[in-house]
Amino acid sequence: MVVMILERVPPSLRGDLTRWLLELRAGVFVGTLKPVVRRKLWERVCSGMNGGAGILVHAARNEQGFEIEFWGATDRWIVDRDGLRLVQVPKAK
């Protein structure tokens, strides 16, 4: 299973992704891809964001059962806590 969440990306990039994944709502894509296809598609997405941001979540052989990758200026980031990868959100001011 693959999930991609894109923010502030060109509509053409979102349209291109619909060839591979289902767009559940604006900027949220889900589907099943082989690892090689997933990697190439993520590279293509990252190179076409034009100042946008994205999150990729995919299955992995680890304790959590998934990996998370970020690209661009998101307001969240990954923190490793004793082998568990957690998402950190900045505190509200």
N, C-alpha and C. Protein backbone atom coordinates (compact mmCIF):
# COMPACT_ATOMS: atom_id res chain seq x y z
N MET A 1 0.85 -1.18 0.00
CA MET A 1 0.00 0.00 0.00
C MET A 1 0.89 1.23 0.00
N VAL A 2 0.51 2.20 -0.79
CA VAL A 2 1.22 3.47 -0.90
C VAL A 2 0.22 4.60 -0.69
N VAL A 3 0.63 5.60 0.09
CA VAL A 3 -0.18 6.81 0.28
C VAL A 3 0.73 8.01 0.01
N MET A 4 0.28 8.92 -0.84
CA MET A 4 0.99 10.18 -1.08
C MET A 4 0.05 11.32 -0.75
N ILE A 5 0.56 12.28 -0.01
CA ILE A 5 -0.20 13.48 0.33
C ILE A 5 0.59 14.66 -0.20
N LEU A 6 -0.02 15.41 -1.10
CA LEU A 6 0.66 16.53 -1.74
C LEU A 6 -0.03 17.84 -1.40
N GLU A 7 0.80 18.88 -1.18
CA GLU A 7 0.29 20.21 -0.85
C GLU A 7 0.91 21.22 -1.80
N ARG A 8 0.10 22.13 -2.28
CA ARG A 8 0.58 23.24 -3.11
C ARG A 8 1.38 22.78 -4.33
N VAL A 9 0.91 21.76 -5.02
CA VAL A 9 1.59 21.27 -6.22
C VAL A 9 0.76 21.65 -7.45
N PRO A 10 1.39 21.68 -8.61
CA PRO A 10 0.64 22.02 -9.83
C PRO A 10 -0.45 20.98 -10.12
N PRO A 11 -1.59 21.44 -10.63
CA PRO A 11 -2.68 20.52 -10.98
C PRO A 11 -2.24 19.44 -11.97
N SER A 12 -1.31 19.78 -12.86
CA SER A 12 -0.84 18.80 -13.84
C SER A 12 -0.13 17.63 -13.15
N LEU A 13 0.57 17.89 -12.05
CA LEU A 13 1.24 16.82 -11.31
C LEU A 13 0.20 15.91 -10.66
N ARG A 14 -0.82 16.50 -10.09
CA ARG A 14 -1.90 15.69 -9.50
C ARG A 14 -2.58 14.85 -10.57
N GLY A 15 -2.82 15.44 -11.73
CA GLY A 15 -3.43 14.71 -12.82
C GLY A 15 -2.57 13.55 -13.29
N ASP A 16 -1.27 13.78 -13.33
CA ASP A 16 -0.33 12.73 -13.73
C ASP A 16 -0.37 11.56 -12.75
N LEU A 17 -0.49 11.85 -11.47
CA LEU A 17 -0.52 10.80 -10.45
C LEU A 17 -1.77 9.92 -10.55
N THR A 18 -2.85 10.47 -11.09
CA THR A 18 -4.08 9.69 -11.19
C THR A 18 -3.95 8.53 -12.18
N ARG A 19 -2.88 8.52 -12.96
CA ARG A 19 -2.62 7.37 -13.85
C ARG A 19 -2.17 6.16 -13.05
N TRP A 20 -1.62 6.41 -11.87
CA TRP A 20 -1.03 5.34 -11.06
C TRP A 20 -1.81 5.07 -9.78
N LEU A 21 -2.39 6.12 -9.20
CA LEU A 21 -3.02 6.03 -7.89
C LEU A 21 -4.41 6.65 -7.92
N LEU A 22 -5.25 6.29 -6.97
CA LEU A 22 -6.57 6.91 -6.83
C LEU A 22 -6.46 8.17 -5.98
N GLU A 23 -7.09 9.25 -6.40
CA GLU A 23 -7.09 10.49 -5.62
C GLU A 23 -8.36 10.51 -4.78
N LEU A 24 -8.23 10.17 -3.50
CA LEU A 24 -9.39 10.09 -2.60
C LEU A 24 -10.02 11.44 -2.33
N ARG A 25 -9.18 12.43 -2.19
CA ARG A 25 -9.62 13.82 -2.10
C ARG A 25 -8.45 14.66 -2.58
N ALA A 26 -8.63 15.95 -2.71
CA ALA A 26 -7.59 16.78 -3.31
C ALA A 26 -6.23 16.57 -2.65
N GLY A 27 -5.28 16.06 -3.43
CA GLY A 27 -3.91 15.89 -2.95
C GLY A 27 -3.64 14.63 -2.15
N VAL A 28 -4.63 13.77 -1.96
CA VAL A 28 -4.43 12.53 -1.20
C VAL A 28 -4.60 11.35 -2.16
N PHE A 29 -3.51 10.61 -2.37
CA PHE A 29 -3.48 9.51 -3.33
C PHE A 29 -3.17 8.20 -2.61
N VAL A 30 -3.80 7.11 -3.09
CA VAL A 30 -3.59 5.81 -2.48
C VAL A 30 -3.58 4.75 -3.58
N GLY A 31 -2.78 3.70 -3.36
CA GLY A 31 -2.74 2.61 -4.33
C GLY A 31 -1.69 1.59 -3.95
N THR A 32 -1.48 0.64 -4.85
CA THR A 32 -0.48 -0.41 -4.65
C THR A 32 0.51 -0.33 -5.79
N LEU A 33 1.79 -0.18 -5.46
CA LEU A 33 2.85 -0.09 -6.45
C LEU A 33 4.00 -1.01 -6.06
N LYS A 34 4.69 -1.51 -7.05
CA LYS A 34 5.93 -2.25 -6.78
C LYS A 34 6.97 -1.25 -6.31
N PRO A 35 7.93 -1.68 -5.48
CA PRO A 35 8.93 -0.76 -4.95
C PRO A 35 9.68 0.05 -6.01
N VAL A 36 10.03 -0.55 -7.12
CA VAL A 36 10.76 0.16 -8.17
C VAL A 36 9.88 1.26 -8.77
N VAL A 37 8.63 0.96 -9.03
CA VAL A 37 7.70 1.94 -9.59
C VAL A 37 7.45 3.05 -8.57
N ARG A 38 7.27 2.68 -7.30
CA ARG A 38 7.04 3.68 -6.24
C ARG A 38 8.21 4.66 -6.18
N ARG A 39 9.44 4.15 -6.20
CA ARG A 39 10.62 5.01 -6.10
C ARG A 39 10.70 5.97 -7.28
N LYS A 40 10.51 5.45 -8.49
CA LYS A 40 10.59 6.30 -9.68
C LYS A 40 9.47 7.34 -9.69
N LEU A 41 8.28 6.94 -9.28
CA LEU A 41 7.15 7.88 -9.23
C LEU A 41 7.39 8.97 -8.19
N TRP A 42 7.93 8.60 -7.02
CA TRP A 42 8.21 9.58 -5.97
C TRP A 42 9.29 10.57 -6.45
N GLU A 43 10.31 10.08 -7.14
CA GLU A 43 11.34 10.97 -7.68
C GLU A 43 10.73 11.94 -8.68
N ARG A 44 9.85 11.45 -9.51
CA ARG A 44 9.16 12.29 -10.50
C ARG A 44 8.30 13.33 -9.81
N VAL A 45 7.58 12.92 -8.76
CA VAL A 45 6.74 13.85 -8.01
C VAL A 45 7.60 14.93 -7.35
N CYS A 46 8.68 14.53 -6.70
CA CYS A 46 9.54 15.49 -6.00
C CYS A 46 10.15 16.51 -6.96
N SER A 47 10.50 16.08 -8.16
CA SER A 47 11.10 17.01 -9.12
C SER A 47 10.06 17.94 -9.75
N GLY A 48 8.78 17.60 -9.65
CA GLY A 48 7.74 18.42 -10.26
C GLY A 48 6.90 19.23 -9.30
N MET A 49 7.28 19.29 -8.03
CA MET A 49 6.45 19.97 -7.03
C MET A 49 6.43 21.49 -7.16
N ASN A 50 7.48 22.09 -7.68
CA ASN A 50 7.55 23.55 -7.87
C ASN A 50 7.19 24.33 -6.62
N GLY A 51 7.89 24.05 -5.53
CA GLY A 51 7.66 24.77 -4.28
C GLY A 51 6.62 24.14 -3.38
N GLY A 52 6.00 23.08 -3.82
CA GLY A 52 5.01 22.39 -3.00
C GLY A 52 5.68 21.46 -2.01
N ALA A 53 4.89 20.60 -1.41
CA ALA A 53 5.41 19.66 -0.42
C ALA A 53 4.68 18.34 -0.55
N GLY A 54 5.31 17.27 -0.06
CA GLY A 54 4.67 15.97 -0.15
C GLY A 54 5.12 15.02 0.93
N ILE A 55 4.26 14.05 1.20
CA ILE A 55 4.54 12.99 2.16
C ILE A 55 4.25 11.67 1.47
N LEU A 56 5.18 10.73 1.59
CA LEU A 56 5.01 9.39 1.05
C LEU A 56 5.03 8.40 2.20
N VAL A 57 4.01 7.54 2.25
CA VAL A 57 3.94 6.47 3.25
C VAL A 57 3.82 5.16 2.49
N HIS A 58 4.68 4.20 2.83
CA HIS A 58 4.62 2.91 2.16
C HIS A 58 4.99 1.78 3.11
N ALA A 59 4.56 0.58 2.77
CA ALA A 59 4.83 -0.59 3.59
C ALA A 59 6.34 -0.85 3.65
N ALA A 60 6.79 -1.34 4.81
CA ALA A 60 8.21 -1.65 5.00
C ALA A 60 8.35 -2.76 6.04
N ARG A 61 9.47 -3.44 5.98
CA ARG A 61 9.74 -4.50 6.96
C ARG A 61 10.47 -3.92 8.16
N ASN A 62 9.71 -3.31 9.04
CA ASN A 62 10.25 -2.77 10.28
C ASN A 62 9.19 -2.93 11.37
N GLU A 63 9.49 -2.48 12.57
CA GLU A 63 8.56 -2.66 13.69
C GLU A 63 7.20 -2.01 13.42
N GLN A 64 7.20 -0.87 12.77
CA GLN A 64 5.95 -0.16 12.53
C GLN A 64 5.21 -0.68 11.30
N GLY A 65 5.93 -1.33 10.40
CA GLY A 65 5.30 -1.87 9.20
C GLY A 65 5.18 -0.88 8.06
N PHE A 66 5.74 0.35 8.25
CA PHE A 66 5.70 1.35 7.19
C PHE A 66 6.86 2.33 7.32
N GLU A 67 7.14 3.04 6.25
CA GLU A 67 8.14 4.11 6.21
C GLU A 67 7.43 5.39 5.80
N ILE A 68 7.97 6.52 6.25
CA ILE A 68 7.43 7.83 5.90
C ILE A 68 8.57 8.66 5.34
N GLU A 69 8.30 9.33 4.21
CA GLU A 69 9.28 10.25 3.62
C GLU A 69 8.59 11.59 3.40
N PHE A 70 9.32 12.67 3.64
CA PHE A 70 8.82 14.02 3.41
C PHE A 70 9.66 14.69 2.33
N TRP A 71 9.04 15.62 1.59
CA TRP A 71 9.77 16.40 0.61
C TRP A 71 9.16 17.79 0.58
N GLY A 72 10.00 18.81 0.55
CA GLY A 72 9.52 20.19 0.48
C GLY A 72 9.24 20.76 1.87
N ALA A 73 8.61 21.91 1.87
CA ALA A 73 8.36 22.66 3.11
C ALA A 73 7.04 22.22 3.74
N THR A 74 7.10 21.17 4.55
CA THR A 74 5.92 20.74 5.30
C THR A 74 6.03 21.28 6.71
N ASP A 75 4.92 21.30 7.44
CA ASP A 75 4.97 21.80 8.82
C ASP A 75 5.14 20.64 9.81
N ARG A 76 5.52 19.47 9.29
CA ARG A 76 5.74 18.29 10.14
C ARG A 76 7.06 17.66 9.74
N TRP A 77 7.65 16.91 10.65
CA TRP A 77 8.88 16.21 10.33
C TRP A 77 8.98 14.94 11.16
N ILE A 78 9.91 14.07 10.77
CA ILE A 78 10.09 12.77 11.43
C ILE A 78 11.11 12.87 12.55
N VAL A 79 10.79 12.26 13.68
CA VAL A 79 11.69 12.18 14.82
C VAL A 79 11.84 10.71 15.19
N ASP A 80 13.07 10.27 15.40
CA ASP A 80 13.32 8.88 15.78
C ASP A 80 13.39 8.80 17.31
N ARG A 81 12.52 8.00 17.89
CA ARG A 81 12.49 7.79 19.34
C ARG A 81 12.69 6.31 19.61
N ASP A 82 13.90 5.93 19.97
CA ASP A 82 14.23 4.54 20.28
C ASP A 82 13.80 3.56 19.19
N GLY A 83 14.06 3.94 17.94
CA GLY A 83 13.74 3.06 16.83
C GLY A 83 12.36 3.25 16.24
N LEU A 84 11.50 4.00 16.91
CA LEU A 84 10.18 4.31 16.36
C LEU A 84 10.23 5.67 15.69
N ARG A 85 9.74 5.72 14.49
CA ARG A 85 9.70 6.99 13.77
C ARG A 85 8.35 7.64 14.01
N LEU A 86 8.39 8.83 14.57
CA LEU A 86 7.16 9.57 14.92
C LEU A 86 7.12 10.88 14.15
N VAL A 87 5.92 11.39 13.95
CA VAL A 87 5.73 12.67 13.28
C VAL A 87 5.66 13.75 14.34
N GLN A 88 6.47 14.79 14.19
CA GLN A 88 6.44 15.91 15.13
C GLN A 88 5.79 17.10 14.46
N VAL A 89 4.90 17.75 15.22
CA VAL A 89 4.18 18.92 14.74
C VAL A 89 4.61 20.09 15.62
N PRO A 90 4.89 21.26 15.02
CA PRO A 90 5.29 22.40 15.85
C PRO A 90 4.18 22.82 16.81
N LYS A 91 4.58 23.33 17.95
CA LYS A 91 3.61 23.78 18.94
C LYS A 91 2.90 25.03 18.43
N ALA A 92 1.61 25.13 18.74
CA ALA A 92 0.84 26.34 18.36
C ALA A 92 1.29 27.50 19.23
N LYS A 93 1.34 28.66 18.63
CA LYS A 93 1.78 29.86 19.38
C LYS A 93 0.63 30.51 20.07
